[in-house]
Amino acid sequence: MKSFRKELTFRTPTRRAFLNITPQVEAALGESGIREGLCLVNAMHITASVFINDDEPGLHEDFEKWLEKLAPEKPHSQYRHNGAEDNADAHLKRTIMGREVVVAVTGGRLDFGPWERIFYGEFDGKRAKRVLIKILGE
């Protein structure tokens, strides 16, 4: 069995963002040479997420509104975590959206269902954060 590892780095200009990272993951899969196996993609920061969903702007706006209702950024004083940083809401949003995805690799391609794409979710942006891609297989 072969193993391949690659890190991606993202720095969003806004506090929150959703980025379609499917092309970068597909490129890493191509670099790996792995044709059959599994591809793990995970956020390496506690205020960022990796998830699978549709690449549709209205849905992303819905995510933003929904997450803000569940864990509003302000007032910062509502959270016991806030102190040195005012990012407690980002930790909660990450928990809701998830840490990682695993996608089957079949015939050298990500084995997606219709409309599925991999996204990086940023909830406390404006600084560099990493995403790990780990691919295992033959």
Protein backbone atom coordinates (compact mmCIF):
# COMPACT_ATOMS: atom_id res chain seq x y z
CA MET A 1 0.00 0.00 0.00
CA LYS A 2 1.19 3.50 -0.86
CA SER A 3 0.78 6.62 1.23
CA PHE A 4 0.81 10.23 0.03
CA ARG A 5 0.70 13.41 2.12
CA LYS A 6 0.26 17.03 1.07
CA GLU A 7 -0.63 20.23 2.88
CA LEU A 8 -2.59 23.14 1.45
CA THR A 9 -2.52 26.60 3.00
CA PHE A 10 -5.39 29.09 2.88
CA ARG A 11 -5.62 32.71 4.00
CA THR A 12 -9.05 34.21 3.48
CA PRO A 13 -9.47 38.00 3.40
CA THR A 14 -12.67 37.70 5.44
CA ARG A 15 -13.49 36.19 8.83
CA ARG A 16 -15.77 33.56 7.27
CA ALA A 17 -15.62 31.90 3.86
CA PHE A 18 -16.41 28.70 2.00
CA LEU A 19 -13.85 27.64 -0.62
CA ASN A 20 -14.29 24.82 -3.12
CA ILE A 21 -10.99 22.94 -2.77
CA THR A 22 -11.96 19.99 -4.98
CA PRO A 23 -9.50 20.97 -7.77
CA GLN A 24 -6.58 21.06 -5.31
CA VAL A 25 -7.55 17.67 -3.86
CA GLU A 26 -7.90 16.19 -7.36
CA ALA A 27 -4.46 17.57 -8.25
CA ALA A 28 -2.98 15.95 -5.13
CA LEU A 29 -4.62 12.66 -6.07
CA GLY A 30 -2.99 12.91 -9.51
CA GLU A 31 0.41 13.58 -7.89
CA SER A 32 -0.02 10.56 -5.63
CA GLY A 33 -0.38 8.06 -8.46
CA ILE A 34 -2.87 6.14 -6.32
CA ARG A 35 -5.68 4.55 -8.35
CA GLU A 36 -7.66 2.68 -5.67
CA GLY A 37 -7.94 3.67 -2.02
CA LEU A 38 -9.10 6.43 0.30
CA CYS A 39 -8.49 10.17 0.42
CA LEU A 40 -8.70 11.97 3.76
CA VAL A 41 -8.94 15.76 3.77
CA ASN A 42 -8.93 17.51 7.14
CA ALA A 43 -8.62 20.99 8.57
CA MET A 44 -5.59 21.33 10.82
CA HIS A 45 -7.03 24.25 12.79
CA ILE A 46 -9.82 24.20 15.35
CA THR A 47 -11.65 27.18 13.77
CA ALA A 48 -11.79 25.76 10.23
CA SER A 49 -13.71 22.92 8.63
CA VAL A 50 -13.67 20.53 5.68
CA PHE A 51 -16.99 19.20 4.44
CA ILE A 52 -18.73 17.87 1.33
CA ASN A 53 -21.73 19.54 -0.25
CA ASP A 54 -23.05 21.25 -3.38
CA ASP A 55 -21.18 24.20 -4.94
CA GLU A 56 -24.20 26.47 -5.01
CA PRO A 57 -23.90 30.10 -3.78
CA GLY A 58 -27.43 30.22 -2.33
CA LEU A 59 -26.70 27.16 -0.21
CA HIS A 60 -23.50 28.77 1.06
CA GLU A 61 -25.47 31.87 2.07
CA ASP A 62 -27.91 29.56 3.86
CA PHE A 63 -25.00 27.93 5.73
CA GLU A 64 -23.75 31.36 6.79
CA LYS A 65 -27.16 32.49 8.08
CA TRP A 66 -27.86 29.16 9.80
CA LEU A 67 -24.48 29.03 11.51
CA GLU A 68 -24.78 32.63 12.65
CA LYS A 69 -28.15 31.84 14.25
CA LEU A 70 -26.70 28.80 16.04
CA ALA A 71 -23.47 30.49 17.16
CA PRO A 72 -23.58 34.25 16.63
CA GLU A 73 -20.24 36.02 16.57
CA LYS A 74 -21.46 38.94 18.70
CA PRO A 75 -21.78 39.92 21.40
CA HIS A 76 -18.38 38.48 22.22
CA SER A 77 -19.24 38.65 25.93
CA GLN A 78 -21.76 35.79 25.58
CA TYR A 79 -18.95 33.23 25.45
CA ARG A 80 -16.76 32.12 28.33
CA HIS A 81 -13.97 31.12 25.88
CA ASN A 82 -13.49 34.66 24.61
CA GLY A 83 -10.64 36.54 26.20
CA ALA A 84 -7.34 36.78 24.34
CA GLU A 85 -9.25 36.05 21.12
CA ASP A 86 -12.89 36.69 20.28
CA ASN A 87 -13.43 33.49 18.30
CA ALA A 88 -15.58 31.19 20.43
CA ASP A 89 -18.26 31.23 17.73
CA ALA A 90 -15.70 29.95 15.20
CA HIS A 91 -14.95 26.92 17.40
CA LEU A 92 -18.67 26.12 17.63
CA LYS A 93 -19.24 26.58 13.89
CA ARG A 94 -16.36 24.22 13.13
CA THR A 95 -17.86 21.59 15.41
CA ILE A 96 -21.15 21.80 13.52
CA MET A 97 -19.58 21.68 10.02
CA GLY A 98 -17.03 18.98 10.84
CA ARG A 99 -13.29 18.43 10.76
CA GLU A 100 -12.70 16.12 7.81
CA VAL A 101 -14.00 14.10 4.90
CA VAL A 102 -12.97 10.73 3.50
CA VAL A 103 -13.62 10.05 -0.17
CA ALA A 104 -13.16 6.73 -1.96
CA VAL A 105 -10.64 6.70 -4.80
CA THR A 106 -11.71 4.55 -7.75
CA GLY A 107 -9.85 4.40 -11.05
CA GLY A 108 -7.63 7.30 -9.99
CA ARG A 109 -10.57 9.63 -9.37
CA LEU A 110 -12.49 10.87 -6.35
CA ASP A 111 -15.61 8.69 -6.25
CA PHE A 112 -18.26 11.38 -5.69
CA GLY A 113 -22.02 11.28 -5.89
CA PRO A 114 -23.82 13.84 -8.06
CA TRP A 115 -22.96 17.45 -7.20
CA GLU A 116 -20.58 16.54 -4.35
CA ARG A 117 -17.56 18.81 -3.90
CA ILE A 118 -15.06 19.30 -1.08
CA PHE A 119 -15.10 22.61 0.76
CA TYR A 120 -12.84 24.40 3.19
CA GLY A 121 -14.91 26.36 5.71
CA GLU A 122 -13.19 29.28 7.41
CA PHE A 123 -14.75 30.71 10.56
CA ASP A 124 -11.93 32.88 11.97
CA GLY A 125 -9.98 33.99 8.90
CA LYS A 126 -7.43 36.57 7.87
CA ARG A 127 -4.49 34.32 8.76
CA ALA A 128 -2.83 31.31 7.20
CA LYS A 129 -4.34 27.92 8.00
CA ARG A 130 -3.50 24.43 6.77
CA VAL A 131 -5.47 21.54 5.33
CA LEU A 132 -4.01 18.02 5.24
CA ILE A 133 -4.57 15.65 2.33
CA LYS A 134 -3.64 12.03 3.10
CA ILE A 135 -4.18 9.41 0.41
CA LEU A 136 -3.78 5.69 1.03
CA GLY A 137 -4.06 2.89 -1.50
CA GLU A 138 -2.56 1.22 -4.54
